[in-house]
């Protein structure tokens, strides 16, 4: 196995935005995403609503930087803020494309439009979901909405993508003591990346009907588009394949969730996947493909923790990973196959789960050897020294050690 010799230097934290004093509700000032806008500025979006299916589609908060992350100012135009469901992609054909987050619909308002249900499930965090066959849904409840700014035009146009997932299911979710019937959640692609050949890769975690039966555990789904996001086809899946020796709760897990991929220098693809759920902290798994996603290796444990990881290639050949829970960490590798990684570098010290950081993050390259990481710290001091939920960035310089 190749030895990893990478020197990582973390810059000082820079405040992006702080929540009002006393804000502790889960979801507020969390789940940051970063992108470079077409005008060159950096934009960070962060959630300013409770983490609930009832808040899906609410515009996030927005902060912008004109100096590559050295300083930030809040912007009121929240509808332009990036999130993991609505980053703006610059496509190889020159179009700009982003997903349109749709607000969940109260089931009481659409009950007569719903087809007969398939079954119901209880999630590990307490939510209850009634499932429906997607092909039976009326077109007005289809989802998969995108906005496109075609090259050479000045107007964004909304469009509904054709997404082909055999046995696709949809869900009406009720949380806690909700007695109103819950909300219908619209489908979306959790993350999208542009592949080396210019095609689009979308990936999510979900269930579907296979040979007349519902999959028993959540799986990672890969969608592929060769027409600039107008049509998507299910390319493959990674089924839940746990390591019982690494996780005593393996049989209670909901499955593999929150995937992230990176196209590595050796032309393979690395995928990291979460197993932490309402049962407690679970391992972060890794799987890889050497045939452009047609097949995937049996997952192995990448680390003993981790919710929605982020992977980023730098032009100097190094690859970064960020993840956590509890705490928040950075790792790096110079291994072109992504098999050997350096140790975790602590960014936020681990504390009580849900009280230290949301552990979600994002990365963006600033130059061939420098990245910017955005993350949350629930106890970062304000100018009076009082702890507040805070969105922060830090520069990460990555060099090969001699």
Protein backbone atom coordinates (compact mmCIF):
# COMPACT_ATOMS: atom_id res chain seq x y z
CA UNK A 1 0.00 0.00 0.00
CA UNK A 2 1.32 3.42 -0.96
CA UNK A 3 2.53 5.57 1.92
CA UNK A 4 0.65 8.85 2.29
CA UNK A 5 2.96 11.85 2.72
CA UNK A 6 0.76 14.92 2.77
CA UNK A 7 1.26 18.08 4.79
CA UNK A 8 -1.96 19.89 5.65
CA UNK A 9 -1.97 23.43 7.03
CA UNK A 10 -5.23 24.89 8.32
CA UNK A 11 -5.81 28.63 8.23
CA UNK A 12 -7.61 30.52 10.98
CA UNK A 13 -11.43 30.26 11.12
CA UNK A 14 -13.36 33.05 9.40
CA UNK A 15 -16.95 33.74 10.44
CA UNK A 16 -19.50 33.53 7.64
CA UNK A 17 -22.68 33.94 9.67
CA UNK A 18 -23.80 33.55 13.29
CA UNK A 19 -27.25 32.57 14.49
CA UNK A 20 -29.13 34.79 16.95
CA UNK A 21 -27.96 34.27 20.53
CA UNK A 22 -29.67 31.29 22.13
CA UNK A 23 -30.55 29.54 18.86
CA UNK A 24 -30.18 25.79 19.37
CA UNK A 25 -32.92 24.30 17.17
CA UNK A 26 -31.56 21.47 15.06
CA UNK A 27 -31.33 22.59 11.45
CA UNK A 28 -30.81 26.32 11.94
CA UNK A 29 -27.38 27.60 10.83
CA UNK A 30 -26.38 24.14 9.62
CA UNK A 31 -25.76 22.09 6.45
CA UNK A 32 -23.61 24.66 4.57
CA UNK A 33 -22.86 24.45 0.84
CA UNK A 34 -20.43 26.52 -1.20
CA UNK A 35 -20.13 27.39 -4.86
CA UNK A 36 -18.45 29.93 -7.12
CA UNK A 37 -21.06 32.07 -8.80
CA UNK A 38 -20.83 32.92 -12.51
CA UNK A 39 -19.62 36.41 -11.53
CA UNK A 40 -16.64 34.90 -9.67
CA UNK A 41 -17.81 35.52 -6.11
CA UNK A 42 -18.00 32.71 -3.59
CA UNK A 43 -21.46 31.94 -2.24
CA UNK A 44 -22.38 29.93 0.85
CA UNK A 45 -25.89 28.74 1.57
CA UNK A 46 -26.90 27.43 4.99
CA UNK A 47 -30.18 26.19 6.42
CA UNK A 48 -32.22 28.66 8.45
CA UNK A 49 -35.20 26.40 9.11
CA UNK A 50 -35.74 23.35 11.29
CA UNK A 51 -34.50 20.02 9.90
CA UNK A 52 -37.89 18.66 8.90
CA UNK A 53 -39.63 17.36 5.82
CA UNK A 54 -42.14 20.19 6.35
CA UNK A 55 -39.43 22.79 5.63
CA UNK A 56 -38.05 21.25 2.43
CA UNK A 57 -37.84 23.89 -0.28
CA UNK A 58 -37.50 26.89 2.03
CA UNK A 59 -34.69 29.10 0.65
CA UNK A 60 -31.50 28.94 2.73
CA UNK A 61 -29.54 31.85 4.12
CA UNK A 62 -26.89 33.30 1.85
CA UNK A 63 -23.46 34.83 2.41
CA UNK A 64 -21.09 36.07 -0.30
CA UNK A 65 -17.36 36.80 -0.51
CA UNK A 66 -15.55 39.00 -2.99
CA UNK A 67 -12.06 38.01 -1.77
CA UNK A 68 -11.94 34.21 -1.96
CA UNK A 69 -13.27 33.65 1.54
CA UNK A 70 -11.24 36.14 3.56
CA UNK A 71 -14.39 38.07 4.48
CA UNK A 72 -18.13 37.49 4.17
CA UNK A 73 -21.32 39.48 4.14
CA UNK A 74 -24.87 38.21 4.41
CA UNK A 75 -27.18 38.65 1.45
CA UNK A 76 -30.96 38.72 1.58
CA UNK A 77 -31.41 37.04 -1.80
CA UNK A 78 -31.84 33.59 -0.27
CA UNK A 79 -33.38 32.16 -3.42
CA UNK A 80 -29.94 32.41 -5.04
CA UNK A 81 -28.15 30.55 -2.25
CA UNK A 82 -26.54 27.20 -3.01
CA UNK A 83 -27.55 24.06 -1.16
CA UNK A 84 -26.78 20.44 -1.80
CA UNK A 85 -29.98 20.21 -3.82
CA UNK A 86 -29.53 23.38 -5.84
CA UNK A 87 -25.91 24.06 -6.69
CA UNK A 88 -25.40 25.80 -10.03
CA UNK A 89 -23.45 23.65 -12.48
CA UNK A 90 -21.58 25.05 -15.47
CA UNK A 91 -22.11 22.32 -18.06
CA UNK A 92 -19.64 21.48 -20.83
CA UNK A 93 -22.06 22.89 -23.42
CA UNK A 94 -22.08 26.26 -21.64
CA UNK A 95 -25.53 25.93 -20.03
CA UNK A 96 -26.05 26.68 -16.35
CA UNK A 97 -28.17 24.08 -14.55
CA UNK A 98 -29.50 23.75 -11.03
CA UNK A 99 -32.22 21.81 -9.28
CA UNK A 100 -35.32 23.64 -8.10
CA UNK A 101 -36.10 22.69 -4.49
CA UNK A 102 -39.84 22.10 -4.27
CA UNK A 103 -41.83 22.73 -1.09
CA UNK A 104 -43.33 19.63 0.48
CA UNK A 105 -47.10 19.41 0.07
CA UNK A 106 -49.46 18.79 2.98
CA UNK A 107 -51.15 15.51 2.30
CA UNK A 108 -54.46 16.95 3.49
CA UNK A 109 -54.39 19.24 0.44
CA UNK A 110 -53.67 16.51 -2.12
CA UNK A 111 -55.22 13.40 -0.58
CA UNK A 112 -57.64 12.85 -3.46
CA UNK A 113 -54.75 12.91 -5.96
CA UNK A 114 -52.71 10.18 -4.30
CA UNK A 115 -52.79 6.63 -5.69
CA UNK A 116 -53.30 3.59 -3.44
CA UNK A 117 -50.40 3.18 -1.03
CA UNK A 118 -47.90 0.31 -1.17
CA UNK A 119 -46.83 0.04 2.47
CA UNK A 120 -45.64 2.10 5.42
CA UNK A 121 -42.28 2.26 7.17
CA UNK A 122 -41.03 3.51 10.53
CA UNK A 123 -37.69 5.33 10.41
CA UNK A 124 -35.01 5.06 13.06
CA UNK A 125 -35.45 8.73 14.01
CA UNK A 126 -39.18 8.31 14.65
CA UNK A 127 -40.67 9.45 11.35
CA UNK A 128 -43.35 7.35 9.65
CA UNK A 129 -43.53 7.15 5.87
CA UNK A 130 -46.31 5.85 3.62
CA UNK A 131 -44.97 4.74 0.23
CA UNK A 132 -46.57 5.05 -3.21
CA UNK A 133 -45.50 3.81 -6.63
CA UNK A 134 -44.08 6.84 -8.44
CA UNK A 135 -45.49 5.84 -11.83
CA UNK A 136 -48.99 6.15 -10.38
CA UNK A 137 -48.46 9.74 -9.24
CA UNK A 138 -50.12 12.54 -11.26
CA UNK A 139 -47.75 14.65 -13.35
CA UNK A 140 -48.34 17.74 -11.21
CA UNK A 141 -46.73 15.87 -8.27
CA UNK A 142 -43.84 14.42 -10.26
CA UNK A 143 -40.94 16.54 -9.01
CA UNK A 144 -37.45 16.27 -10.58
CA UNK A 145 -37.58 19.99 -11.38
CA UNK A 146 -34.58 21.85 -12.81
CA UNK A 147 -33.83 25.39 -13.97
CA UNK A 148 -31.60 25.99 -16.99
CA UNK A 149 -29.92 29.10 -18.32
CA UNK A 150 -29.08 28.05 -21.84
CA UNK A 151 -25.83 29.35 -23.28
CA UNK A 152 -26.36 32.64 -25.10
CA UNK A 153 -29.66 33.40 -23.39
CA UNK A 154 -30.50 35.62 -20.43
CA UNK A 155 -33.51 33.85 -18.94
CA UNK A 156 -33.71 30.88 -16.60
CA UNK A 157 -36.31 28.34 -17.75
CA UNK A 158 -37.76 25.65 -15.49
CA UNK A 159 -38.04 22.12 -16.84
CA UNK A 160 -39.00 18.69 -15.53
CA UNK A 161 -36.34 16.07 -16.14
CA UNK A 162 -37.19 12.57 -17.33
CA UNK A 163 -35.80 10.33 -14.57
CA UNK A 164 -35.96 6.60 -15.25
CA UNK A 165 -35.80 4.57 -12.03
CA UNK A 166 -37.55 1.19 -12.35
CA UNK A 167 -39.82 0.63 -9.36
CA UNK A 168 -39.36 4.19 -8.05
CA UNK A 169 -41.39 4.95 -4.92
CA UNK A 170 -42.54 8.21 -3.33
CA UNK A 171 -43.26 8.92 0.31
CA UNK A 172 -45.63 10.84 2.57
CA UNK A 173 -43.79 11.42 5.84
CA UNK A 174 -45.19 12.22 9.29
CA UNK A 175 -42.87 13.29 12.09
CA UNK A 176 -43.29 13.14 15.86
CA UNK A 177 -46.86 13.70 17.02
CA UNK A 178 -48.00 15.00 13.62
CA UNK A 179 -51.63 14.05 13.24
CA UNK A 180 -52.32 16.00 10.05
CA UNK A 181 -51.35 13.19 7.70
CA UNK A 182 -47.82 14.39 7.00
CA UNK A 183 -46.31 15.86 3.84
CA UNK A 184 -45.51 14.56 0.37
CA UNK A 185 -41.79 15.00 -0.27
CA UNK A 186 -40.70 15.69 -3.84
CA UNK A 187 -37.80 13.65 -5.22
CA UNK A 188 -34.46 15.22 -5.98
CA UNK A 189 -30.91 14.14 -6.74
CA UNK A 190 -28.91 14.57 -3.56
CA UNK A 191 -25.67 15.53 -5.29
CA UNK A 192 -24.58 16.00 -8.90
CA UNK A 193 -21.07 16.00 -10.36
CA UNK A 194 -19.70 16.34 -13.87
CA UNK A 195 -17.76 13.25 -14.92
CA UNK A 196 -14.42 13.22 -16.76
CA UNK A 197 -16.24 12.70 -20.07
CA UNK A 198 -18.63 15.62 -19.48
CA UNK A 199 -21.64 13.48 -18.57
CA UNK A 200 -23.58 14.15 -15.37
CA UNK A 201 -23.55 11.85 -12.36
CA UNK A 202 -26.33 12.12 -9.81
CA UNK A 203 -26.40 10.09 -6.65
CA UNK A 204 -28.87 9.58 -3.82
CA UNK A 205 -30.01 7.00 -1.30
CA UNK A 206 -33.45 5.49 -1.54
CA UNK A 207 -35.61 2.38 -1.82
CA UNK A 208 -37.42 0.99 -4.84
CA UNK A 209 -39.54 -1.96 -5.85
CA UNK A 210 -37.56 -4.83 -7.38
CA UNK A 211 -39.35 -7.91 -8.76
CA UNK A 212 -42.51 -6.91 -6.92
CA UNK A 213 -40.90 -6.42 -3.51
CA UNK A 214 -39.62 -3.35 -1.71
CA UNK A 215 -35.90 -3.29 -1.00
CA UNK A 216 -35.32 -4.02 2.69
CA UNK A 217 -32.49 -1.53 3.27
CA UNK A 218 -31.65 1.87 1.81
CA UNK A 219 -29.24 1.63 -1.11
CA UNK A 220 -27.03 4.14 -2.91
CA UNK A 221 -28.40 4.92 -6.37
CA UNK A 222 -26.38 6.32 -9.26
CA UNK A 223 -28.17 8.24 -12.00
CA UNK A 224 -26.45 9.15 -15.26
CA UNK A 225 -27.26 11.79 -17.88
CA UNK A 226 -25.65 12.22 -21.28
CA UNK A 227 -27.97 15.00 -22.50
CA UNK A 228 -27.04 17.80 -20.09
CA UNK A 229 -29.51 16.78 -17.40
CA UNK A 230 -32.70 16.48 -19.41
CA UNK A 231 -32.84 12.68 -19.06
CA UNK A 232 -31.46 10.52 -16.25
CA UNK A 233 -31.19 6.74 -16.13
CA UNK A 234 -30.46 4.47 -13.19
CA UNK A 235 -26.90 3.29 -13.80
CA UNK A 236 -26.32 1.08 -10.78
CA UNK A 237 -26.73 0.71 -7.03
CA UNK A 238 -24.61 -0.16 -4.03
CA UNK A 239 -26.71 -2.40 -1.77
CA UNK A 240 -26.28 -2.41 1.99
CA UNK A 241 -23.42 -4.79 2.78
CA UNK A 242 -22.29 -4.12 6.37
CA UNK A 243 -19.27 -5.39 8.27
CA UNK A 244 -20.68 -7.03 11.43
CA UNK A 245 -17.24 -7.02 13.05
CA UNK A 246 -17.09 -3.22 12.76
CA UNK A 247 -20.64 -2.40 13.78
CA UNK A 248 -22.57 -4.29 16.48
CA UNK A 249 -25.77 -2.58 15.29
CA UNK A 250 -25.31 -3.58 11.65
CA UNK A 251 -28.61 -5.45 11.45
CA UNK A 252 -30.60 -2.52 12.86
CA UNK A 253 -29.26 0.08 10.42
CA UNK A 254 -31.51 1.67 7.80
CA UNK A 255 -28.88 0.98 5.15
CA UNK A 256 -26.34 3.04 3.23
CA UNK A 257 -27.15 6.76 3.06
CA UNK A 258 -25.61 10.12 2.15
CA UNK A 259 -23.17 9.01 -0.57
CA UNK A 260 -20.34 11.08 -2.02
CA UNK A 261 -18.14 10.25 -5.00
CA UNK A 262 -14.88 11.48 -6.46
CA UNK A 263 -13.23 10.66 -9.78
CA UNK A 264 -9.69 9.71 -8.79
CA UNK A 265 -6.42 10.27 -10.69
CA UNK A 266 -6.16 6.56 -11.53
CA UNK A 267 -9.56 6.81 -13.31
CA UNK A 268 -11.40 4.84 -10.64
CA UNK A 269 -14.36 6.22 -8.68
CA UNK A 270 -14.46 6.27 -4.88
CA UNK A 271 -17.78 6.37 -3.04
CA UNK A 272 -18.17 7.03 0.70
CA UNK A 273 -21.43 6.18 2.49
CA UNK A 274 -22.97 6.90 5.90
CA UNK A 275 -24.55 4.34 8.23
CA UNK A 276 -25.10 6.54 11.30
CA UNK A 277 -28.84 6.65 12.00
CA UNK A 278 -31.28 6.85 14.89
CA UNK A 279 -29.67 3.77 16.40
CA UNK A 280 -26.42 5.66 17.02
CA UNK A 281 -23.04 6.39 15.45
CA UNK A 282 -22.08 3.95 12.68
CA UNK A 283 -19.09 3.46 10.39
CA UNK A 284 -18.40 5.36 7.20
CA UNK A 285 -17.97 2.87 4.34
CA UNK A 286 -16.02 3.04 1.09
CA UNK A 287 -16.66 1.32 -2.24
CA UNK A 288 -14.93 1.82 -5.56
CA UNK A 289 -15.56 1.26 -9.24
CA UNK A 290 -12.89 0.64 -11.87
CA UNK A 291 -15.33 0.34 -14.80
CA UNK A 292 -17.03 3.75 -14.78
CA UNK A 293 -19.73 2.81 -12.31
CA UNK A 294 -20.93 -0.41 -13.91
CA UNK A 295 -19.85 -2.45 -10.88
CA UNK A 296 -18.74 -1.56 -7.34
CA UNK A 297 -16.48 -3.33 -4.87
CA UNK A 298 -17.79 -4.77 -1.63
CA UNK A 299 -17.86 -1.85 0.83
CA UNK A 300 -15.20 -1.68 3.52
CA UNK A 301 -14.98 0.57 6.58
CA UNK A 302 -13.33 3.91 5.78
CA UNK A 303 -13.66 5.27 9.34
CA UNK A 304 -15.65 4.54 12.48
CA UNK A 305 -17.86 7.64 12.07
CA UNK A 306 -19.05 10.11 9.50
CA UNK A 307 -22.18 11.77 8.16
CA UNK A 308 -22.45 13.15 4.63
CA UNK A 309 -18.79 13.27 3.62
CA UNK A 310 -17.32 15.53 0.95
CA UNK A 311 -14.51 14.54 -1.43
CA UNK A 312 -12.44 16.97 -3.51
CA UNK A 313 -9.57 16.58 -5.99
CA UNK A 314 -6.90 19.27 -6.13
CA UNK A 315 -4.87 19.96 -9.26
CA UNK A 316 -1.64 18.95 -7.49
CA UNK A 317 -2.90 15.34 -7.39
CA UNK A 318 -4.05 15.29 -3.75
CA UNK A 319 -7.57 14.37 -2.64
CA UNK A 320 -9.36 15.73 0.43
CA UNK A 321 -12.16 14.26 2.53
CA UNK A 322 -14.22 16.07 5.18
CA UNK A 323 -16.73 14.49 7.57
CA UNK A 324 -17.54 13.93 11.22
CA UNK A 325 -20.07 13.27 14.00
CA UNK A 326 -19.18 13.67 16.65
CA UNK A 327 -16.71 16.45 15.84
CA UNK A 328 -15.51 17.40 12.37
CA UNK A 329 -12.35 16.31 10.54
CA UNK A 330 -10.24 16.65 7.40
CA UNK A 331 -8.21 13.86 5.78
CA UNK A 332 -6.03 13.78 2.67
CA UNK A 333 -4.29 11.33 0.37
CA UNK A 334 -1.74 11.40 -2.43
CA UNK A 335 -2.68 7.84 -3.42
CA UNK A 336 -4.04 7.97 -6.97
CA UNK A 337 -6.34 5.05 -6.13
CA UNK A 338 -7.57 6.58 -2.88
CA UNK A 339 -6.80 3.48 -0.82
CA UNK A 340 -4.31 4.90 1.67
CA UNK A 341 -5.26 8.03 3.62
CA UNK A 342 -3.54 10.20 6.20
CA UNK A 343 -4.85 10.54 9.78
CA UNK A 344 -7.83 12.63 10.74
CA UNK A 345 -7.10 16.29 11.43
CA UNK A 346 -9.53 17.79 13.92
CA UNK A 347 -11.34 20.97 12.90
CA UNK A 348 -14.09 20.89 15.57
CA UNK A 349 -13.41 18.93 18.73
CA UNK A 350 -15.92 16.14 19.31
CA UNK A 351 -18.42 16.78 22.08
CA UNK A 352 -21.95 15.77 22.84
CA UNK A 353 -23.56 14.64 19.60
CA UNK A 354 -25.85 17.34 18.13
CA UNK A 355 -24.34 19.93 20.49
CA UNK A 356 -20.87 20.36 18.97
CA UNK A 357 -21.42 20.68 15.20
CA UNK A 358 -23.79 19.31 12.57
CA UNK A 359 -20.65 17.72 11.02
CA UNK A 360 -21.88 18.52 7.50
CA UNK A 361 -19.49 20.50 5.32
CA UNK A 362 -18.44 21.45 1.83
CA UNK A 363 -15.15 21.97 0.01
CA UNK A 364 -14.10 24.09 -2.94
CA UNK A 365 -10.69 24.45 -4.58
CA UNK A 366 -9.12 27.92 -4.57
CA UNK A 367 -5.96 26.99 -6.48
CA UNK A 368 -4.01 23.86 -7.33
CA UNK A 369 -2.97 23.23 -3.71
CA UNK A 370 -5.49 25.17 -1.60
CA UNK A 371 -9.11 24.47 -0.71
CA UNK A 372 -11.71 26.24 1.39
CA UNK A 373 -13.84 24.22 3.81
CA UNK A 374 -17.16 25.48 5.17
CA UNK A 375 -18.65 23.89 8.29
CA UNK A 376 -20.62 24.65 11.46
CA UNK A 377 -19.50 25.09 15.07
CA UNK A 378 -22.34 25.31 17.57
CA UNK A 379 -20.21 26.94 20.28
CA UNK A 380 -18.09 29.50 18.46
CA UNK A 381 -17.78 32.73 20.48
CA UNK A 382 -19.29 35.97 19.23
CA UNK A 383 -17.64 39.38 19.79
CA UNK A 384 -18.77 39.24 23.42
CA UNK A 385 -17.39 35.76 23.94
CA UNK A 386 -20.82 34.11 24.05
CA UNK A 387 -21.18 30.76 22.22
CA UNK A 388 -23.38 30.83 19.14
CA UNK A 389 -24.19 28.49 16.28
CA UNK A 390 -21.82 29.67 13.57
CA UNK A 391 -21.01 28.95 9.94
CA UNK A 392 -17.22 29.15 9.41
CA UNK A 393 -14.64 28.71 6.68
CA UNK A 394 -10.97 27.77 6.87
CA UNK A 395 -8.36 27.56 4.15
CA UNK A 396 -6.63 24.21 3.75
CA UNK A 397 -3.19 24.14 2.13
CA UNK A 398 -2.15 20.67 0.98
CA UNK A 399 1.42 19.89 -0.03
CA UNK A 400 3.47 16.79 -0.62
CA UNK A 401 6.03 16.24 2.14
CA UNK A 402 9.61 15.77 0.95
